[in-house]
Amino acid sequence: MLKFPKAILVEIETHLLAEKKRVQEQITELAAQDPFADVDRLSDNAASDTEAKEEFNHDRVEAMLEELKLKLTQIEAALTRIKNGKYGYCTNCKQMIDTDRLAAIPTATLCVTCGAEKRR
């Protein structure tokens, strides 16, 4: 089985660790924007239009948090694959994933062929 050069893996790992930190910071900042995080919210007797706005903003924040948490999970999985020596190999066909694909999507788990088959 072909192996990725160590220098490339170190570069990818460095990028993924920086991205992980950035995503974690975004999660923290976004969670603080959730109107439901305000402990005084329940006792403020806000007007119904304010309640509706808070509900909308809460739903928006929750959706964005879910996306960021998914991204964080993908980053952590890629870092684990690097550590285990399995990074860069398709989880379906076990062939090496094209480096151009990994450069564009460092968390990719499928090669182009298997990715296209999965989308069908």
N, C-alpha and C. Protein backbone atom coordinates (compact mmCIF):
# COMPACT_ATOMS: atom_id res chain seq x y z
N MET A 1 0.84 -1.17 0.00
CA MET A 1 0.00 0.00 0.00
C MET A 1 0.89 1.24 0.00
N LEU A 2 0.59 2.17 -0.89
CA LEU A 2 1.33 3.42 -0.94
C LEU A 2 1.07 4.24 0.31
N LYS A 3 2.07 5.00 0.72
CA LYS A 3 1.93 5.85 1.91
C LYS A 3 2.13 7.31 1.51
N PHE A 4 1.42 8.18 2.20
CA PHE A 4 1.62 9.60 1.99
C PHE A 4 2.96 9.99 2.59
N PRO A 5 3.67 10.92 1.93
CA PRO A 5 4.93 11.40 2.51
C PRO A 5 4.65 12.07 3.86
N LYS A 6 5.52 11.83 4.82
CA LYS A 6 5.36 12.36 6.18
C LYS A 6 5.20 13.88 6.18
N ALA A 7 5.96 14.58 5.33
CA ALA A 7 5.89 16.04 5.29
C ALA A 7 4.50 16.53 4.91
N ILE A 8 3.86 15.83 3.97
CA ILE A 8 2.51 16.21 3.55
C ILE A 8 1.52 15.95 4.68
N LEU A 9 1.66 14.82 5.35
CA LEU A 9 0.76 14.51 6.47
C LEU A 9 0.90 15.52 7.60
N VAL A 10 2.13 15.95 7.88
CA VAL A 10 2.36 16.95 8.92
C VAL A 10 1.68 18.26 8.53
N GLU A 11 1.81 18.63 7.27
CA GLU A 11 1.18 19.86 6.78
C GLU A 11 -0.35 19.78 6.89
N ILE A 12 -0.91 18.66 6.49
CA ILE A 12 -2.36 18.47 6.57
C ILE A 12 -2.82 18.48 8.03
N GLU A 13 -2.07 17.79 8.88
CA GLU A 13 -2.42 17.75 10.30
C GLU A 13 -2.39 19.15 10.92
N THR A 14 -1.38 19.93 10.58
CA THR A 14 -1.29 21.31 11.07
C THR A 14 -2.49 22.12 10.62
N HIS A 15 -2.85 21.97 9.36
CA HIS A 15 -4.03 22.68 8.82
C HIS A 15 -5.30 22.25 9.56
N LEU A 16 -5.47 20.95 9.75
CA LEU A 16 -6.67 20.44 10.42
C LEU A 16 -6.74 20.88 11.88
N LEU A 17 -5.61 20.92 12.56
CA LEU A 17 -5.60 21.37 13.95
C LEU A 17 -5.99 22.85 14.05
N ALA A 18 -5.49 23.66 13.11
CA ALA A 18 -5.87 25.08 13.08
C ALA A 18 -7.35 25.24 12.78
N GLU A 19 -7.84 24.44 11.85
CA GLU A 19 -9.26 24.48 11.48
C GLU A 19 -10.12 24.02 12.66
N LYS A 20 -9.67 23.01 13.38
CA LYS A 20 -10.40 22.52 14.55
C LYS A 20 -10.53 23.63 15.59
N LYS A 21 -9.44 24.33 15.84
CA LYS A 21 -9.46 25.43 16.81
C LYS A 21 -10.42 26.53 16.37
N ARG A 22 -10.37 26.86 15.08
CA ARG A 22 -11.25 27.90 14.53
C ARG A 22 -12.72 27.51 14.68
N VAL A 23 -13.04 26.27 14.37
CA VAL A 23 -14.43 25.79 14.46
C VAL A 23 -14.89 25.78 15.92
N GLN A 24 -14.01 25.34 16.83
CA GLN A 24 -14.37 25.35 18.25
C GLN A 24 -14.67 26.77 18.73
N GLU A 25 -13.87 27.73 18.28
CA GLU A 25 -14.11 29.13 18.65
C GLU A 25 -15.44 29.62 18.08
N GLN A 26 -15.74 29.24 16.85
CA GLN A 26 -17.01 29.63 16.24
C GLN A 26 -18.18 29.04 17.02
N ILE A 27 -18.06 27.80 17.45
CA ILE A 27 -19.12 27.16 18.23
C ILE A 27 -19.36 27.93 19.53
N THR A 28 -18.29 28.28 20.21
CA THR A 28 -18.40 29.02 21.46
C THR A 28 -19.06 30.38 21.24
N GLU A 29 -18.60 31.11 20.22
CA GLU A 29 -19.16 32.43 19.93
C GLU A 29 -20.63 32.34 19.53
N LEU A 30 -20.96 31.37 18.72
CA LEU A 30 -22.33 31.22 18.24
C LEU A 30 -23.26 30.80 19.38
N ALA A 31 -22.81 29.90 20.22
CA ALA A 31 -23.64 29.46 21.35
C ALA A 31 -23.98 30.64 22.27
N ALA A 32 -23.05 31.57 22.40
CA ALA A 32 -23.29 32.75 23.24
C ALA A 32 -24.34 33.68 22.62
N GLN A 33 -24.55 33.58 21.31
CA GLN A 33 -25.55 34.42 20.62
C GLN A 33 -26.96 33.86 20.73
N ASP A 34 -27.09 32.64 21.20
CA ASP A 34 -28.41 32.02 21.30
C ASP A 34 -29.24 32.75 22.35
N PRO A 35 -30.39 33.32 21.95
CA PRO A 35 -31.20 34.04 22.93
C PRO A 35 -31.69 33.14 24.06
N PHE A 36 -31.77 31.85 23.82
CA PHE A 36 -32.22 30.92 24.86
C PHE A 36 -31.13 30.69 25.92
N ALA A 37 -29.91 31.13 25.63
CA ALA A 37 -28.82 30.98 26.59
C ALA A 37 -28.92 32.03 27.71
N ASP A 38 -29.72 33.06 27.50
CA ASP A 38 -29.91 34.12 28.49
C ASP A 38 -30.81 33.60 29.61
N VAL A 39 -30.27 33.48 30.82
CA VAL A 39 -31.03 32.93 31.94
C VAL A 39 -32.20 33.82 32.35
N ASP A 40 -32.13 35.11 32.04
CA ASP A 40 -33.21 36.04 32.39
C ASP A 40 -34.34 36.02 31.37
N ARG A 41 -34.17 35.31 30.30
CA ARG A 41 -35.15 35.30 29.22
C ARG A 41 -36.54 34.85 29.69
N LEU A 42 -36.60 33.86 30.52
CA LEU A 42 -37.88 33.30 30.94
C LEU A 42 -38.68 34.24 31.84
N SER A 43 -38.00 35.14 32.50
CA SER A 43 -38.70 36.03 33.43
C SER A 43 -38.87 37.45 32.90
N ASP A 44 -38.56 37.69 31.63
CA ASP A 44 -38.62 39.07 31.14
C ASP A 44 -39.98 39.49 30.60
N ASN A 45 -40.95 38.58 30.52
CA ASN A 45 -42.31 38.90 30.04
C ASN A 45 -42.29 39.68 28.73
N ALA A 46 -41.50 39.22 27.79
CA ALA A 46 -41.36 39.89 26.50
C ALA A 46 -42.65 39.78 25.69
N ALA A 47 -42.84 40.74 24.80
CA ALA A 47 -44.00 40.73 23.91
C ALA A 47 -43.91 39.52 22.98
N SER A 48 -45.06 39.14 22.45
CA SER A 48 -45.10 37.93 21.61
C SER A 48 -44.23 38.07 20.36
N ASP A 49 -44.13 39.29 19.81
CA ASP A 49 -43.27 39.46 18.63
C ASP A 49 -41.79 39.30 19.01
N THR A 50 -41.43 39.69 20.22
CA THR A 50 -40.07 39.49 20.69
C THR A 50 -39.80 38.01 20.91
N GLU A 51 -40.79 37.32 21.46
CA GLU A 51 -40.67 35.87 21.66
C GLU A 51 -40.48 35.16 20.33
N ALA A 52 -41.24 35.57 19.33
CA ALA A 52 -41.14 34.96 18.00
C ALA A 52 -39.76 35.20 17.41
N LYS A 53 -39.25 36.41 17.59
CA LYS A 53 -37.92 36.73 17.07
C LYS A 53 -36.86 35.89 17.78
N GLU A 54 -37.00 35.76 19.11
CA GLU A 54 -36.05 34.93 19.86
C GLU A 54 -36.11 33.47 19.42
N GLU A 55 -37.31 32.99 19.19
CA GLU A 55 -37.49 31.61 18.72
C GLU A 55 -36.82 31.41 17.37
N PHE A 56 -37.02 32.37 16.46
CA PHE A 56 -36.40 32.31 15.13
C PHE A 56 -34.88 32.31 15.26
N ASN A 57 -34.35 33.23 16.07
CA ASN A 57 -32.90 33.33 16.24
C ASN A 57 -32.33 32.07 16.90
N HIS A 58 -33.07 31.50 17.83
CA HIS A 58 -32.63 30.25 18.46
C HIS A 58 -32.54 29.14 17.42
N ASP A 59 -33.57 29.01 16.59
CA ASP A 59 -33.58 27.98 15.55
C ASP A 59 -32.43 28.17 14.57
N ARG A 60 -32.16 29.42 14.22
CA ARG A 60 -31.06 29.74 13.30
C ARG A 60 -29.72 29.34 13.93
N VAL A 61 -29.52 29.73 15.18
CA VAL A 61 -28.28 29.40 15.88
C VAL A 61 -28.12 27.88 16.00
N GLU A 62 -29.20 27.19 16.35
CA GLU A 62 -29.15 25.73 16.48
C GLU A 62 -28.74 25.06 15.16
N ALA A 63 -29.30 25.53 14.05
CA ALA A 63 -28.96 24.95 12.75
C ALA A 63 -27.49 25.18 12.42
N MET A 64 -27.01 26.38 12.69
CA MET A 64 -25.60 26.70 12.42
C MET A 64 -24.68 25.89 13.34
N LEU A 65 -25.08 25.72 14.60
CA LEU A 65 -24.28 24.92 15.52
C LEU A 65 -24.19 23.47 15.07
N GLU A 66 -25.30 22.93 14.57
CA GLU A 66 -25.28 21.55 14.08
C GLU A 66 -24.28 21.39 12.94
N GLU A 67 -24.26 22.35 12.02
CA GLU A 67 -23.30 22.30 10.90
C GLU A 67 -21.87 22.35 11.40
N LEU A 68 -21.61 23.25 12.35
CA LEU A 68 -20.26 23.38 12.89
C LEU A 68 -19.84 22.13 13.67
N LYS A 69 -20.77 21.54 14.40
CA LYS A 69 -20.46 20.31 15.15
C LYS A 69 -20.16 19.15 14.20
N LEU A 70 -20.88 19.09 13.09
CA LEU A 70 -20.61 18.07 12.08
C LEU A 70 -19.21 18.27 11.50
N LYS A 71 -18.88 19.51 11.19
CA LYS A 71 -17.56 19.82 10.64
C LYS A 71 -16.47 19.44 11.65
N LEU A 72 -16.70 19.75 12.92
CA LEU A 72 -15.74 19.41 13.97
C LEU A 72 -15.55 17.89 14.06
N THR A 73 -16.63 17.15 13.97
CA THR A 73 -16.56 15.69 14.00
C THR A 73 -15.75 15.16 12.82
N GLN A 74 -15.95 15.75 11.64
CA GLN A 74 -15.21 15.33 10.45
C GLN A 74 -13.72 15.64 10.59
N ILE A 75 -13.40 16.79 11.16
CA ILE A 75 -12.00 17.16 11.38
C ILE A 75 -11.35 16.19 12.36
N GLU A 76 -12.04 15.91 13.46
CA GLU A 76 -11.49 14.99 14.45
C GLU A 76 -11.30 13.59 13.87
N ALA A 77 -12.22 13.16 13.03
CA ALA A 77 -12.09 11.85 12.38
C ALA A 77 -10.87 11.83 11.45
N ALA A 78 -10.66 12.92 10.71
CA ALA A 78 -9.50 13.00 9.82
C ALA A 78 -8.20 12.97 10.63
N LEU A 79 -8.17 13.67 11.75
CA LEU A 79 -6.98 13.66 12.60
C LEU A 79 -6.72 12.25 13.15
N THR A 80 -7.77 11.54 13.49
CA THR A 80 -7.63 10.16 13.97
C THR A 80 -7.08 9.27 12.85
N ARG A 81 -7.59 9.47 11.63
CA ARG A 81 -7.09 8.67 10.50
C ARG A 81 -5.60 8.95 10.25
N ILE A 82 -5.18 10.20 10.41
CA ILE A 82 -3.76 10.53 10.26
C ILE A 82 -2.96 9.76 11.31
N LYS A 83 -3.42 9.81 12.54
CA LYS A 83 -2.72 9.15 13.65
C LYS A 83 -2.65 7.64 13.44
N ASN A 84 -3.72 7.06 12.87
CA ASN A 84 -3.78 5.61 12.66
C ASN A 84 -3.16 5.15 11.34
N GLY A 85 -2.65 6.09 10.55
CA GLY A 85 -2.04 5.74 9.27
C GLY A 85 -3.04 5.41 8.18
N LYS A 86 -4.30 5.82 8.35
CA LYS A 86 -5.34 5.51 7.37
C LYS A 86 -5.83 6.74 6.61
N TYR A 87 -5.20 7.88 6.86
CA TYR A 87 -5.64 9.11 6.19
C TYR A 87 -5.32 9.04 4.70
N GLY A 88 -6.25 9.53 3.91
CA GLY A 88 -6.03 9.62 2.47
C GLY A 88 -6.45 8.38 1.70
N TYR A 89 -7.05 7.43 2.39
CA TYR A 89 -7.52 6.22 1.73
C TYR A 89 -9.04 6.17 1.80
N CYS A 90 -9.65 5.80 0.70
CA CYS A 90 -11.11 5.71 0.61
C CYS A 90 -11.61 4.67 1.60
N THR A 91 -12.59 5.05 2.40
CA THR A 91 -13.14 4.11 3.38
C THR A 91 -13.99 3.04 2.72
N ASN A 92 -14.32 3.23 1.46
CA ASN A 92 -15.14 2.26 0.74
C ASN A 92 -14.28 1.26 -0.04
N CYS A 93 -13.47 1.77 -0.97
CA CYS A 93 -12.70 0.88 -1.84
C CYS A 93 -11.24 0.70 -1.40
N LYS A 94 -10.82 1.45 -0.38
CA LYS A 94 -9.47 1.38 0.21
C LYS A 94 -8.37 1.89 -0.70
N GLN A 95 -8.74 2.50 -1.84
CA GLN A 95 -7.74 3.08 -2.73
C GLN A 95 -7.35 4.47 -2.22
N MET A 96 -6.17 4.93 -2.64
CA MET A 96 -5.70 6.25 -2.23
C MET A 96 -6.60 7.33 -2.85
N ILE A 97 -7.00 8.30 -2.03
CA ILE A 97 -7.80 9.42 -2.51
C ILE A 97 -6.87 10.40 -3.21
N ASP A 98 -7.29 10.92 -4.34
CA ASP A 98 -6.50 11.87 -5.11
C ASP A 98 -6.09 13.06 -4.24
N THR A 99 -4.83 13.44 -4.33
CA THR A 99 -4.32 14.53 -3.49
C THR A 99 -5.00 15.87 -3.79
N ASP A 100 -5.45 16.07 -5.04
CA ASP A 100 -6.18 17.31 -5.36
C ASP A 100 -7.50 17.35 -4.59
N ARG A 101 -8.14 16.20 -4.47
CA ARG A 101 -9.40 16.12 -3.71
C ARG A 101 -9.13 16.41 -2.24
N LEU A 102 -8.07 15.83 -1.69
CA LEU A 102 -7.74 16.06 -0.29
C LEU A 102 -7.31 17.51 -0.04
N ALA A 103 -6.69 18.12 -1.03
CA ALA A 103 -6.31 19.53 -0.88
C ALA A 103 -7.56 20.40 -0.80
N ALA A 104 -8.58 20.04 -1.57
CA ALA A 104 -9.83 20.80 -1.57
C ALA A 104 -10.70 20.45 -0.37
N ILE A 105 -10.73 19.17 -0.01
CA ILE A 105 -11.57 18.68 1.10
C ILE A 105 -10.69 17.79 1.99
N PRO A 106 -9.96 18.38 2.92
CA PRO A 106 -9.03 17.58 3.74
C PRO A 106 -9.71 16.52 4.61
N THR A 107 -11.02 16.63 4.79
CA THR A 107 -11.74 15.65 5.61
C THR A 107 -12.40 14.56 4.76
N ALA A 108 -12.11 14.55 3.46
CA ALA A 108 -12.74 13.57 2.56
C ALA A 108 -12.43 12.15 3.01
N THR A 109 -13.46 11.31 2.96
CA THR A 109 -13.29 9.89 3.32
C THR A 109 -13.50 8.97 2.12
N LEU A 110 -14.00 9.54 1.03
CA LEU A 110 -14.26 8.75 -0.17
C LEU A 110 -13.49 9.32 -1.35
N CYS A 111 -13.06 8.43 -2.24
CA CYS A 111 -12.44 8.87 -3.49
C CYS A 111 -13.54 9.46 -4.37
N VAL A 112 -13.15 10.07 -5.46
CA VAL A 112 -14.12 10.70 -6.36
C VAL A 112 -15.13 9.68 -6.87
N THR A 113 -14.67 8.51 -7.27
CA THR A 113 -15.56 7.48 -7.81
C THR A 113 -16.58 7.03 -6.78
N CYS A 114 -16.13 6.68 -5.59
CA CYS A 114 -17.05 6.21 -4.55
C CYS A 114 -17.96 7.34 -4.07
N GLY A 115 -17.45 8.56 -4.05
CA GLY A 115 -18.27 9.71 -3.67
C GLY A 115 -19.39 9.93 -4.66
N ALA A 116 -19.08 9.78 -5.96
CA ALA A 116 -20.11 9.94 -6.99
C ALA A 116 -21.15 8.83 -6.89
N GLU A 117 -20.71 7.61 -6.62
CA GLU A 117 -21.65 6.49 -6.48
C GLU A 117 -22.56 6.70 -5.28
N LYS A 118 -22.03 7.24 -4.21
CA LYS A 118 -22.83 7.46 -3.00
C LYS A 118 -23.91 8.52 -3.24
N ARG A 119 -23.60 9.53 -4.05
CA ARG A 119 -24.57 10.60 -4.33
C ARG A 119 -25.70 10.14 -5.25
N ARG A 120 -25.52 9.04 -5.95
CA ARG A 120 -26.57 8.57 -6.87
C ARG A 120 -27.76 8.05 -6.15
